[in-house]
Amino acid sequence: MGDASRQWRVAQRYLACALLLVLFISGCAIFKSEMDLPPLLAQDEVVRPFTKLAVVQVSRQRFGTSYDLKTEDYGWAYEALREEAAKIGADAVIFSEVKLEASSYLLFPMATVDARGTAIRFR
């Protein structure tokens, strides 16, 4: 009976760990809404008069060095800028820039992706 109860406790621990893992993974899921986001424009593409609404800024940390960053990381930065600009009713984002900063957390290298741009509304 002692051997069976020990196996049951071990099984309970594995089940609890598996449940926590499933909750963690599903909690990190991103749900994107289908809406039109404002475009990222270069200064020479803006031919209509506009009003500056705000400077929008986003930041994200990830494990790995700045050399490990992929095109998707830049894509995330630009998409996040567009989403933030849409929240305040902007028509476009100008002067968008992405900066990378390397740091470390204990023994693990980390890279920070910072993006900023100016949200505008056309007159």
Protein backbone atom coordinates (compact mmCIF):
# COMPACT_ATOMS: atom_id res chain seq x y z
CA MET A 1 0.00 0.00 0.00
CA GLY A 2 2.91 2.38 0.68
CA ASP A 3 4.28 1.90 -2.82
CA ALA A 4 0.92 2.65 -4.43
CA SER A 5 0.40 5.83 -2.39
CA ARG A 6 3.90 7.05 -3.31
CA GLN A 7 3.17 6.46 -6.99
CA TRP A 8 -0.13 8.33 -6.60
CA ARG A 9 1.67 11.36 -5.07
CA VAL A 10 4.23 11.37 -7.88
CA ALA A 11 1.42 11.16 -10.44
CA GLN A 12 -0.35 14.07 -8.73
CA ARG A 13 2.80 16.20 -8.92
CA TYR A 14 3.25 15.45 -12.62
CA LEU A 15 -0.40 16.24 -13.23
CA ALA A 16 -0.11 19.54 -11.35
CA CYS A 17 3.01 20.48 -13.35
CA ALA A 18 1.31 19.57 -16.62
CA LEU A 19 -1.75 21.64 -15.66
CA LEU A 20 0.42 24.65 -14.78
CA LEU A 21 2.27 24.31 -18.08
CA VAL A 22 -1.00 24.23 -20.04
CA LEU A 23 -2.29 27.29 -18.16
CA PHE A 24 0.95 29.17 -18.75
CA ILE A 25 0.98 28.42 -22.47
CA SER A 26 -2.68 29.27 -22.97
CA GLY A 27 -2.32 32.43 -20.88
CA CYS A 28 0.37 33.68 -23.24
CA ALA A 29 -1.81 33.26 -26.30
CA ILE A 30 -2.44 36.42 -28.26
CA PHE A 31 -5.80 37.14 -29.77
CA LYS A 32 -5.68 39.63 -32.61
CA SER A 33 -8.70 41.53 -33.70
CA GLU A 34 -9.40 42.09 -37.36
CA MET A 35 -9.26 45.85 -37.79
CA ASP A 36 -7.56 48.25 -40.13
CA LEU A 37 -4.47 49.67 -38.52
CA PRO A 38 -2.92 53.00 -39.48
CA PRO A 39 -0.01 52.70 -41.92
CA LEU A 40 3.62 53.50 -41.19
CA LEU A 41 4.62 56.36 -43.46
CA ALA A 42 7.91 58.05 -44.28
CA GLN A 43 7.98 61.83 -44.00
CA ASP A 44 8.08 62.27 -47.79
CA GLU A 45 4.95 60.11 -48.17
CA VAL A 46 2.86 62.55 -46.14
CA VAL A 47 1.49 65.06 -48.65
CA ARG A 48 -1.66 66.11 -46.78
CA PRO A 49 -1.68 68.44 -43.78
CA PHE A 50 -1.78 66.60 -40.46
CA THR A 51 -1.95 67.07 -36.72
CA LYS A 52 0.46 65.30 -34.38
CA LEU A 53 -1.48 63.34 -31.79
CA ALA A 54 1.21 61.71 -29.67
CA VAL A 55 4.48 59.86 -29.62
CA VAL A 56 3.66 56.17 -29.28
CA GLN A 57 6.18 53.84 -27.73
CA VAL A 58 6.32 50.06 -27.27
CA SER A 59 8.92 47.81 -25.70
CA ARG A 60 9.53 44.09 -25.41
CA GLN A 61 12.24 41.93 -23.85
CA ARG A 62 13.25 38.53 -25.11
CA PHE A 63 15.93 36.01 -24.29
CA GLY A 64 18.90 35.90 -26.63
CA THR A 65 21.38 38.43 -27.92
CA SER A 66 20.54 41.26 -30.27
CA TYR A 67 22.20 39.18 -33.01
CA ASP A 68 19.45 36.57 -32.55
CA LEU A 69 16.70 39.01 -33.47
CA LYS A 70 14.72 38.04 -36.52
CA THR A 71 12.55 39.85 -39.01
CA GLU A 72 9.54 38.85 -36.91
CA ASP A 73 10.86 40.94 -34.00
CA TYR A 74 10.96 44.03 -36.19
CA GLY A 75 7.55 43.11 -37.57
CA TRP A 76 6.21 42.88 -34.01
CA ALA A 77 7.59 46.34 -33.23
CA TYR A 78 5.98 47.99 -36.24
CA GLU A 79 2.69 46.14 -35.72
CA ALA A 80 2.61 47.14 -32.03
CA LEU A 81 3.21 50.78 -32.99
CA ARG A 82 0.29 50.63 -35.39
CA GLU A 83 -1.96 49.06 -32.74
CA GLU A 84 -1.07 51.73 -30.17
CA ALA A 85 -1.70 54.48 -32.72
CA ALA A 86 -5.07 52.95 -33.60
CA LYS A 87 -6.09 53.08 -29.93
CA ILE A 88 -5.86 56.88 -29.98
CA GLY A 89 -7.54 57.26 -33.36
CA ALA A 90 -4.48 58.01 -35.50
CA ASP A 91 -4.59 57.87 -39.29
CA ALA A 92 -0.87 57.05 -39.68
CA VAL A 93 2.47 56.75 -37.88
CA ILE A 94 5.50 58.75 -39.03
CA PHE A 95 9.12 58.84 -37.86
CA SER A 96 8.95 55.21 -36.75
CA GLU A 97 12.19 53.77 -35.44
CA VAL A 98 13.26 50.54 -33.77
CA LYS A 99 16.17 50.34 -31.33
CA LEU A 100 17.83 47.22 -29.95
CA GLU A 101 19.54 47.01 -26.59
CA ALA A 102 21.46 44.04 -25.25
CA SER A 103 21.49 43.19 -21.54
CA SER A 104 21.68 40.09 -19.40
CA TYR A 105 19.62 38.52 -16.66
CA LEU A 106 21.87 36.45 -14.42
CA LEU A 107 23.60 34.22 -16.97
CA PHE A 108 21.06 34.60 -19.76
CA PRO A 109 21.53 37.22 -22.46
CA MET A 110 18.49 39.35 -23.16
CA ALA A 111 17.61 41.78 -25.91
CA THR A 112 15.17 44.65 -25.61
CA VAL A 113 13.27 45.87 -28.65
CA ASP A 114 12.12 49.48 -28.27
CA ALA A 115 10.04 51.17 -30.95
CA ARG A 116 8.62 54.65 -31.16
CA GLY A 117 6.84 56.78 -33.70
CA THR A 118 4.63 59.83 -34.02
CA ALA A 119 0.91 59.17 -34.38
CA ILE A 120 -0.81 61.65 -36.70
CA ARG A 121 -4.32 62.46 -37.87
CA PHE A 122 -4.94 63.98 -41.28
CA ARG A 123 -6.89 67.25 -41.39
